[in-house]
Amino acid sequence: MKKSLLVLWVTASLFGSLFLSCKNSAEKIDDAQEDVTTANENVDEAEEELAVVEQDYQDDLQEFRLKSAELYDANNRNMEAFNLLLAKESKIIKERYNLKIAELKARNENLKKTLDEYQDSGTGQWETFKTNLSMDMEKLGNEVADLKIEN
């Protein structure tokens, strides 16, 4: 008899705890709606952050394009100024420097073309592209600035 009462008591306790711990349908629906609301808020926040990052990227790209265009124009102006100096020199000196200037102009055009043809491929690749192109433009700018007529 004690065993039967013990089994009955354990069984009743289990069913009672299961019954009390189970949520009714309305509570489950409320919890699910709360989860959906939270997920929607997280999506909205992520979309806002993505929009900010995208705008920062576009601003950086535009700023870099403007800066690069200025460097390109400065290189062209410096090469033209050097050509004016060459006009006063002998034919031998002109020939020597005309080849160098032609090479520098071709490199300057190539760098401009590389930037113009750049396709958006993510910020990681953008940073690498930007760094490499900046170094190439700086190197070219230094070579143009170092042009001097040597007899």
N, C-alpha and C. Protein backbone atom coordinates (compact mmCIF):
# COMPACT_ATOMS: atom_id res chain seq x y z
N MET A 1 0.81 -1.17 0.00
CA MET A 1 0.00 0.00 0.00
C MET A 1 0.87 1.26 0.00
N LYS A 2 1.93 1.23 0.83
CA LYS A 2 2.82 2.38 0.85
C LYS A 2 3.45 2.57 -0.52
N LYS A 3 3.76 1.47 -1.14
CA LYS A 3 4.37 1.54 -2.46
C LYS A 3 3.39 2.13 -3.47
N SER A 4 2.14 1.76 -3.41
CA SER A 4 1.12 2.26 -4.32
C SER A 4 0.93 3.75 -4.10
N LEU A 5 0.90 4.18 -2.84
CA LEU A 5 0.75 5.59 -2.53
C LEU A 5 1.97 6.38 -3.02
N LEU A 6 3.14 5.79 -2.85
CA LEU A 6 4.36 6.45 -3.30
C LEU A 6 4.36 6.61 -4.82
N VAL A 7 3.97 5.57 -5.52
CA VAL A 7 3.91 5.62 -6.99
C VAL A 7 2.85 6.63 -7.41
N LEU A 8 1.71 6.63 -6.74
CA LEU A 8 0.66 7.57 -7.06
C LEU A 8 1.11 9.00 -6.80
N TRP A 9 1.80 9.19 -5.69
CA TRP A 9 2.29 10.52 -5.34
C TRP A 9 3.32 11.01 -6.36
N VAL A 10 4.28 10.16 -6.77
CA VAL A 10 5.31 10.53 -7.75
C VAL A 10 4.65 10.84 -9.10
N THR A 11 3.71 10.01 -9.50
CA THR A 11 3.02 10.21 -10.77
C THR A 11 2.24 11.51 -10.74
N ALA A 12 1.53 11.76 -9.65
CA ALA A 12 0.75 13.00 -9.52
C ALA A 12 1.68 14.21 -9.53
N SER A 13 2.82 14.10 -8.88
CA SER A 13 3.79 15.20 -8.86
C SER A 13 4.32 15.49 -10.26
N LEU A 14 4.64 14.44 -10.98
CA LEU A 14 5.15 14.63 -12.35
C LEU A 14 4.11 15.30 -13.24
N PHE A 15 2.88 14.78 -13.19
CA PHE A 15 1.84 15.37 -14.01
C PHE A 15 1.54 16.80 -13.57
N GLY A 16 1.57 17.04 -12.30
CA GLY A 16 1.32 18.38 -11.78
C GLY A 16 2.40 19.35 -12.24
N SER A 17 3.65 18.92 -12.15
CA SER A 17 4.74 19.81 -12.57
C SER A 17 4.71 20.03 -14.09
N LEU A 18 4.39 19.00 -14.85
CA LEU A 18 4.28 19.16 -16.30
C LEU A 18 3.14 20.11 -16.65
N PHE A 19 2.03 19.95 -15.95
CA PHE A 19 0.87 20.78 -16.21
C PHE A 19 1.16 22.24 -15.87
N LEU A 20 1.81 22.46 -14.74
CA LEU A 20 2.10 23.83 -14.31
C LEU A 20 3.20 24.47 -15.16
N SER A 21 4.15 23.66 -15.67
CA SER A 21 5.25 24.24 -16.44
C SER A 21 4.89 24.46 -17.91
N CYS A 22 3.86 23.86 -18.40
CA CYS A 22 3.45 24.04 -19.78
C CYS A 22 2.80 25.40 -19.94
N LYS A 23 3.10 26.03 -21.06
CA LYS A 23 2.48 27.32 -21.36
C LYS A 23 1.25 27.07 -22.19
N ASN A 24 0.29 27.93 -22.01
CA ASN A 24 -0.88 27.79 -22.85
C ASN A 24 -0.60 28.43 -24.22
N SER A 25 -1.49 28.24 -25.14
CA SER A 25 -1.29 28.71 -26.51
C SER A 25 -1.13 30.22 -26.58
N ALA A 26 -1.87 30.95 -25.79
CA ALA A 26 -1.80 32.41 -25.81
C ALA A 26 -0.41 32.88 -25.38
N GLU A 27 0.15 32.23 -24.36
CA GLU A 27 1.50 32.61 -23.90
C GLU A 27 2.53 32.28 -24.96
N LYS A 28 2.38 31.15 -25.63
CA LYS A 28 3.31 30.78 -26.69
C LYS A 28 3.24 31.78 -27.84
N ILE A 29 2.05 32.21 -28.19
CA ILE A 29 1.88 33.18 -29.26
C ILE A 29 2.51 34.51 -28.87
N ASP A 30 2.28 34.94 -27.63
CA ASP A 30 2.89 36.18 -27.15
C ASP A 30 4.41 36.11 -27.21
N ASP A 31 4.97 34.99 -26.76
CA ASP A 31 6.42 34.81 -26.78
C ASP A 31 6.95 34.84 -28.22
N ALA A 32 6.23 34.18 -29.12
CA ALA A 32 6.65 34.15 -30.52
C ALA A 32 6.59 35.54 -31.14
N GLN A 33 5.53 36.30 -30.81
CA GLN A 33 5.41 37.66 -31.33
C GLN A 33 6.52 38.55 -30.78
N GLU A 34 6.86 38.36 -29.54
CA GLU A 34 7.95 39.12 -28.93
C GLU A 34 9.28 38.79 -29.62
N ASP A 35 9.49 37.50 -29.90
CA ASP A 35 10.71 37.08 -30.61
C ASP A 35 10.77 37.69 -32.00
N VAL A 36 9.64 37.72 -32.69
CA VAL A 36 9.58 38.31 -34.04
C VAL A 36 9.86 39.81 -33.97
N THR A 37 9.28 40.48 -33.00
CA THR A 37 9.50 41.91 -32.83
C THR A 37 10.98 42.20 -32.59
N THR A 38 11.59 41.42 -31.70
CA THR A 38 13.01 41.59 -31.41
C THR A 38 13.86 41.34 -32.65
N ALA A 39 13.53 40.30 -33.39
CA ALA A 39 14.27 39.99 -34.62
C ALA A 39 14.12 41.12 -35.64
N ASN A 40 12.92 41.66 -35.77
CA ASN A 40 12.70 42.78 -36.70
C ASN A 40 13.50 44.01 -36.29
N GLU A 41 13.56 44.27 -34.99
CA GLU A 41 14.35 45.40 -34.50
C GLU A 41 15.83 45.18 -34.81
N ASN A 42 16.31 43.94 -34.63
CA ASN A 42 17.70 43.63 -34.94
C ASN A 42 17.99 43.81 -36.43
N VAL A 43 17.06 43.41 -37.27
CA VAL A 43 17.22 43.57 -38.71
C VAL A 43 17.26 45.06 -39.06
N ASP A 44 16.38 45.84 -38.47
CA ASP A 44 16.35 47.28 -38.73
C ASP A 44 17.68 47.93 -38.32
N GLU A 45 18.18 47.56 -37.16
CA GLU A 45 19.47 48.10 -36.69
C GLU A 45 20.60 47.71 -37.64
N ALA A 46 20.60 46.47 -38.08
CA ALA A 46 21.64 45.99 -39.00
C ALA A 46 21.56 46.73 -40.33
N GLU A 47 20.34 46.97 -40.81
CA GLU A 47 20.17 47.70 -42.07
C GLU A 47 20.65 49.14 -41.93
N GLU A 48 20.38 49.76 -40.79
CA GLU A 48 20.85 51.12 -40.55
C GLU A 48 22.38 51.17 -40.50
N GLU A 49 22.98 50.20 -39.82
CA GLU A 49 24.45 50.15 -39.75
C GLU A 49 25.04 49.91 -41.14
N LEU A 50 24.42 49.05 -41.91
CA LEU A 50 24.88 48.78 -43.27
C LEU A 50 24.79 50.05 -44.13
N ALA A 51 23.71 50.79 -43.98
CA ALA A 51 23.55 52.03 -44.74
C ALA A 51 24.64 53.04 -44.37
N VAL A 52 24.98 53.13 -43.10
CA VAL A 52 26.03 54.04 -42.65
C VAL A 52 27.38 53.62 -43.22
N VAL A 53 27.67 52.33 -43.15
CA VAL A 53 28.93 51.82 -43.69
C VAL A 53 29.01 52.05 -45.19
N GLU A 54 27.93 51.79 -45.88
CA GLU A 54 27.89 51.99 -47.33
C GLU A 54 28.10 53.46 -47.68
N GLN A 55 27.47 54.35 -46.92
CA GLN A 55 27.62 55.79 -47.18
C GLN A 55 29.06 56.22 -46.92
N ASP A 56 29.67 55.72 -45.83
CA ASP A 56 31.07 56.03 -45.53
C ASP A 56 31.98 55.56 -46.66
N TYR A 57 31.70 54.37 -47.16
CA TYR A 57 32.49 53.81 -48.26
C TYR A 57 32.35 54.67 -49.51
N GLN A 58 31.12 55.06 -49.85
CA GLN A 58 30.90 55.89 -51.04
C GLN A 58 31.57 57.26 -50.88
N ASP A 59 31.51 57.82 -49.67
CA ASP A 59 32.16 59.10 -49.42
C ASP A 59 33.68 58.98 -49.58
N ASP A 60 34.24 57.90 -49.05
CA ASP A 60 35.68 57.67 -49.16
C ASP A 60 36.09 57.49 -50.61
N LEU A 61 35.30 56.74 -51.35
CA LEU A 61 35.58 56.51 -52.77
C LEU A 61 35.54 57.83 -53.54
N GLN A 62 34.52 58.63 -53.29
CA GLN A 62 34.38 59.92 -53.98
C GLN A 62 35.54 60.85 -53.63
N GLU A 63 35.89 60.90 -52.36
CA GLU A 63 37.00 61.75 -51.92
C GLU A 63 38.32 61.31 -52.57
N PHE A 64 38.53 60.00 -52.64
CA PHE A 64 39.75 59.48 -53.25
C PHE A 64 39.79 59.79 -54.74
N ARG A 65 38.64 59.67 -55.41
CA ARG A 65 38.59 59.99 -56.84
C ARG A 65 38.94 61.47 -57.09
N LEU A 66 38.41 62.35 -56.24
CA LEU A 66 38.70 63.77 -56.40
C LEU A 66 40.19 64.06 -56.15
N LYS A 67 40.72 63.49 -55.10
CA LYS A 67 42.14 63.68 -54.78
C LYS A 67 43.02 63.14 -55.90
N SER A 68 42.67 61.98 -56.42
CA SER A 68 43.44 61.37 -57.50
C SER A 68 43.37 62.21 -58.77
N ALA A 69 42.20 62.77 -59.05
CA ALA A 69 42.06 63.64 -60.23
C ALA A 69 42.94 64.87 -60.09
N GLU A 70 43.03 65.41 -58.89
CA GLU A 70 43.91 66.56 -58.65
C GLU A 70 45.37 66.19 -58.89
N LEU A 71 45.78 65.02 -58.40
CA LEU A 71 47.16 64.57 -58.61
C LEU A 71 47.44 64.33 -60.09
N TYR A 72 46.49 63.74 -60.77
CA TYR A 72 46.62 63.49 -62.21
C TYR A 72 46.81 64.82 -62.95
N ASP A 73 45.97 65.80 -62.64
CA ASP A 73 46.06 67.11 -63.28
C ASP A 73 47.38 67.80 -62.94
N ALA A 74 47.81 67.70 -61.70
CA ALA A 74 49.09 68.31 -61.29
C ALA A 74 50.25 67.68 -62.05
N ASN A 75 50.22 66.36 -62.20
CA ASN A 75 51.28 65.69 -62.97
C ASN A 75 51.30 66.19 -64.41
N ASN A 76 50.13 66.31 -65.01
CA ASN A 76 50.05 66.81 -66.39
C ASN A 76 50.57 68.24 -66.50
N ARG A 77 50.19 69.09 -65.55
CA ARG A 77 50.67 70.48 -65.56
C ARG A 77 52.19 70.52 -65.43
N ASN A 78 52.74 69.72 -64.52
CA ASN A 78 54.19 69.71 -64.32
C ASN A 78 54.92 69.21 -65.57
N MET A 79 54.36 68.21 -66.24
CA MET A 79 55.00 67.71 -67.45
C MET A 79 54.92 68.75 -68.57
N GLU A 80 53.81 69.45 -68.66
CA GLU A 80 53.68 70.51 -69.67
C GLU A 80 54.67 71.65 -69.38
N ALA A 81 54.81 72.00 -68.11
CA ALA A 81 55.78 73.04 -67.75
C ALA A 81 57.19 72.60 -68.10
N PHE A 82 57.50 71.35 -67.88
CA PHE A 82 58.82 70.84 -68.24
C PHE A 82 59.02 70.86 -69.75
N ASN A 83 57.96 70.55 -70.50
CA ASN A 83 58.04 70.62 -71.97
C ASN A 83 58.34 72.04 -72.44
N LEU A 84 57.78 73.03 -71.75
CA LEU A 84 58.08 74.42 -72.11
C LEU A 84 59.55 74.74 -71.88
N LEU A 85 60.12 74.20 -70.81
CA LEU A 85 61.55 74.39 -70.56
C LEU A 85 62.39 73.70 -71.64
N LEU A 86 61.92 72.55 -72.06
CA LEU A 86 62.65 71.77 -73.08
C LEU A 86 62.67 72.50 -74.43
N ALA A 87 61.65 73.31 -74.70
CA ALA A 87 61.57 74.00 -75.98
C ALA A 87 62.80 74.86 -76.23
N LYS A 88 63.44 75.29 -75.20
CA LYS A 88 64.62 76.17 -75.31
C LYS A 88 65.92 75.38 -75.45
N GLU A 89 65.83 74.07 -75.32
CA GLU A 89 67.04 73.24 -75.31
C GLU A 89 67.35 72.70 -76.71
N SER A 90 68.52 72.07 -76.81
CA SER A 90 68.96 71.50 -78.08
C SER A 90 68.14 70.26 -78.43
N LYS A 91 68.23 69.85 -79.69
CA LYS A 91 67.48 68.71 -80.18
C LYS A 91 67.86 67.43 -79.45
N ILE A 92 69.11 67.23 -79.13
CA ILE A 92 69.58 66.02 -78.44
C ILE A 92 68.96 65.93 -77.05
N ILE A 93 68.96 67.03 -76.35
CA ILE A 93 68.38 67.05 -74.99
C ILE A 93 66.87 66.83 -75.07
N LYS A 94 66.19 67.43 -76.04
CA LYS A 94 64.74 67.25 -76.21
C LYS A 94 64.41 65.78 -76.43
N GLU A 95 65.18 65.12 -77.31
CA GLU A 95 64.92 63.72 -77.61
C GLU A 95 65.08 62.84 -76.36
N ARG A 96 66.13 63.14 -75.59
CA ARG A 96 66.38 62.36 -74.37
C ARG A 96 65.19 62.48 -73.40
N TYR A 97 64.69 63.67 -73.20
CA TYR A 97 63.63 63.88 -72.22
C TYR A 97 62.24 63.58 -72.76
N ASN A 98 62.06 63.69 -74.05
CA ASN A 98 60.74 63.39 -74.63
C ASN A 98 60.34 61.94 -74.37
N LEU A 99 61.30 61.03 -74.44
CA LEU A 99 61.00 59.63 -74.15
C LEU A 99 60.58 59.45 -72.69
N LYS A 100 61.29 60.11 -71.80
CA LYS A 100 60.95 60.02 -70.37
C LYS A 100 59.57 60.61 -70.10
N ILE A 101 59.29 61.75 -70.69
CA ILE A 101 57.99 62.39 -70.49
C ILE A 101 56.87 61.52 -71.08
N ALA A 102 57.10 60.94 -72.23
CA ALA A 102 56.09 60.06 -72.84
C ALA A 102 55.79 58.88 -71.92
N GLU A 103 56.83 58.32 -71.31
CA GLU A 103 56.64 57.20 -70.38
C GLU A 103 55.85 57.65 -69.14
N LEU A 104 56.20 58.82 -68.61
CA LEU A 104 55.49 59.33 -67.42
C LEU A 104 54.03 59.65 -67.75
N LYS A 105 53.79 60.22 -68.94
CA LYS A 105 52.40 60.51 -69.34
C LYS A 105 51.59 59.22 -69.48
N ALA A 106 52.21 58.19 -70.06
CA ALA A 106 51.52 56.90 -70.22
C ALA A 106 51.19 56.30 -68.85
N ARG A 107 52.12 56.38 -67.93
CA ARG A 107 51.85 55.86 -66.58
C ARG A 107 50.75 56.66 -65.89
N ASN A 108 50.77 57.98 -66.08
CA ASN A 108 49.75 58.83 -65.48
C ASN A 108 48.37 58.47 -66.05
N GLU A 109 48.29 58.29 -67.35
CA GLU A 109 47.02 57.89 -67.99
C GLU A 109 46.57 56.52 -67.50
N ASN A 110 47.52 55.60 -67.37
CA ASN A 110 47.19 54.24 -66.91
C ASN A 110 46.62 54.26 -65.49
N LEU A 111 47.20 55.08 -64.62
CA LEU A 111 46.69 55.17 -63.24
C LEU A 111 45.28 55.76 -63.24
N LYS A 112 45.05 56.78 -64.07
CA LYS A 112 43.71 57.37 -64.16
C LYS A 112 42.71 56.33 -64.66
N LYS A 113 43.10 55.58 -65.68
CA LYS A 113 42.23 54.54 -66.24
C LYS A 113 41.94 53.46 -65.20
N THR A 114 42.94 53.07 -64.44
CA THR A 114 42.76 52.05 -63.40
C THR A 114 41.72 52.50 -62.39
N LEU A 115 41.80 53.75 -61.96
CA LEU A 115 40.83 54.28 -61.00
C LEU A 115 39.45 54.39 -61.64
N ASP A 116 39.38 54.87 -62.87
CA ASP A 116 38.08 55.02 -63.54
C ASP A 116 37.39 53.68 -63.73
N GLU A 117 38.16 52.62 -63.94
CA GLU A 117 37.58 51.31 -64.20
C GLU A 117 37.36 50.49 -62.93
N TYR A 118 37.71 51.06 -61.78
CA TYR A 118 37.55 50.32 -60.52
C TYR A 118 36.09 49.96 -60.31
N GLN A 119 35.86 48.70 -60.02
CA GLN A 119 34.51 48.20 -59.73
C GLN A 119 34.40 47.93 -58.23
N ASP A 120 33.27 48.29 -57.67
CA ASP A 120 33.00 48.07 -56.26
C ASP A 120 33.07 46.58 -55.94
N SER A 121 34.02 46.24 -55.06
CA SER A 121 34.15 44.81 -54.71
C SER A 121 34.39 44.63 -53.22
N GLY A 122 33.85 45.52 -52.42
CA GLY A 122 33.96 45.37 -50.98
C GLY A 122 35.02 46.25 -50.38
N THR A 123 34.83 46.55 -49.09
CA THR A 123 35.73 47.49 -48.43
C THR A 123 37.12 46.93 -48.23
N GLY A 124 37.25 45.63 -48.03
CA GLY A 124 38.58 45.05 -47.84
C GLY A 124 39.42 45.21 -49.09
N GLN A 125 38.84 44.90 -50.24
CA GLN A 125 39.56 45.06 -51.49
C GLN A 125 39.74 46.54 -51.83
N TRP A 126 38.80 47.37 -51.44
CA TRP A 126 38.90 48.80 -51.69
C TRP A 126 40.12 49.37 -50.98
N GLU A 127 40.31 49.01 -49.73
CA GLU A 127 41.44 49.54 -48.96
C GLU A 127 42.77 49.14 -49.61
N THR A 128 42.87 47.90 -50.07
CA THR A 128 44.09 47.44 -50.74
C THR A 128 44.29 48.19 -52.05
N PHE A 129 43.24 48.32 -52.83
CA PHE A 129 43.31 49.04 -54.10
C PHE A 129 43.73 50.48 -53.85
N LYS A 130 43.10 51.13 -52.89
CA LYS A 130 43.38 52.53 -52.59
C LYS A 130 44.83 52.72 -52.16
N THR A 131 45.32 51.84 -51.30
CA THR A 131 46.70 51.93 -50.83
C THR A 131 47.67 51.78 -51.99
N ASN A 132 47.46 50.76 -52.81
CA ASN A 132 48.37 50.51 -53.94
C ASN A 132 48.35 51.66 -54.94
N LEU A 133 47.17 52.15 -55.28
CA LEU A 133 47.08 53.23 -56.25
C LEU A 133 47.68 54.52 -55.68
N SER A 134 47.46 54.78 -54.40
CA SER A 134 48.05 55.97 -53.77
C SER A 134 49.57 55.92 -53.84
N MET A 135 50.14 54.75 -53.55
CA MET A 135 51.60 54.62 -53.59
C MET A 135 52.11 54.83 -55.02
N ASP A 136 51.42 54.26 -56.00
CA ASP A 136 51.84 54.42 -57.39
C ASP A 136 51.74 55.87 -57.83
N MET A 137 50.67 56.55 -57.43
CA MET A 137 50.50 57.96 -57.81
C MET A 137 51.55 58.83 -57.13
N GLU A 138 51.85 58.53 -55.89
CA GLU A 138 52.87 59.31 -55.17
C GLU A 138 54.24 59.11 -55.83
N LYS A 139 54.55 57.88 -56.18
CA LYS A 139 55.83 57.59 -56.84
C LYS A 139 55.91 58.33 -58.17
N LEU A 140 54.85 58.29 -58.95
CA LEU A 140 54.83 58.99 -60.23
C LEU A 140 54.96 60.50 -60.03
N GLY A 141 54.23 61.02 -59.06
CA GLY A 141 54.32 62.45 -58.77
C GLY A 141 55.72 62.88 -58.40
N ASN A 142 56.41 62.05 -57.64
CA ASN A 142 57.79 62.36 -57.27
C ASN A 142 58.71 62.34 -58.49
N GLU A 143 58.51 61.37 -59.37
CA GLU A 143 59.32 61.30 -60.59
C GLU A 143 59.08 62.51 -61.48
N VAL A 144 57.86 62.95 -61.59
CA VAL A 144 57.54 64.13 -62.40
C VAL A 144 58.18 65.36 -61.76
N ALA A 145 58.07 65.48 -60.46
CA ALA A 145 58.64 66.63 -59.76
C ALA A 145 60.17 66.65 -59.84
N ASP A 146 60.76 65.48 -59.98
CA ASP A 146 62.22 65.40 -60.04
C ASP A 146 62.79 65.65 -61.43
N LEU A 147 61.93 65.87 -62.42
CA LEU A 147 62.42 66.14 -63.77
C LEU A 147 63.25 67.42 -63.77
N LYS A 148 64.49 67.30 -64.22
CA LYS A 148 65.39 68.46 -64.33
C LYS A 148 66.22 68.27 -65.59
N ILE A 149 66.49 69.36 -66.23
CA ILE A 149 67.32 69.29 -67.43
C ILE A 149 68.78 69.23 -67.00
N GLU A 150 69.43 68.16 -67.41
CA GLU A 150 70.84 67.99 -67.10
C GLU A 150 71.58 67.94 -68.43
N ASN A 151 72.56 68.78 -68.57
CA ASN A 151 73.33 68.83 -69.83
C ASN A 151 74.36 67.77 -69.91
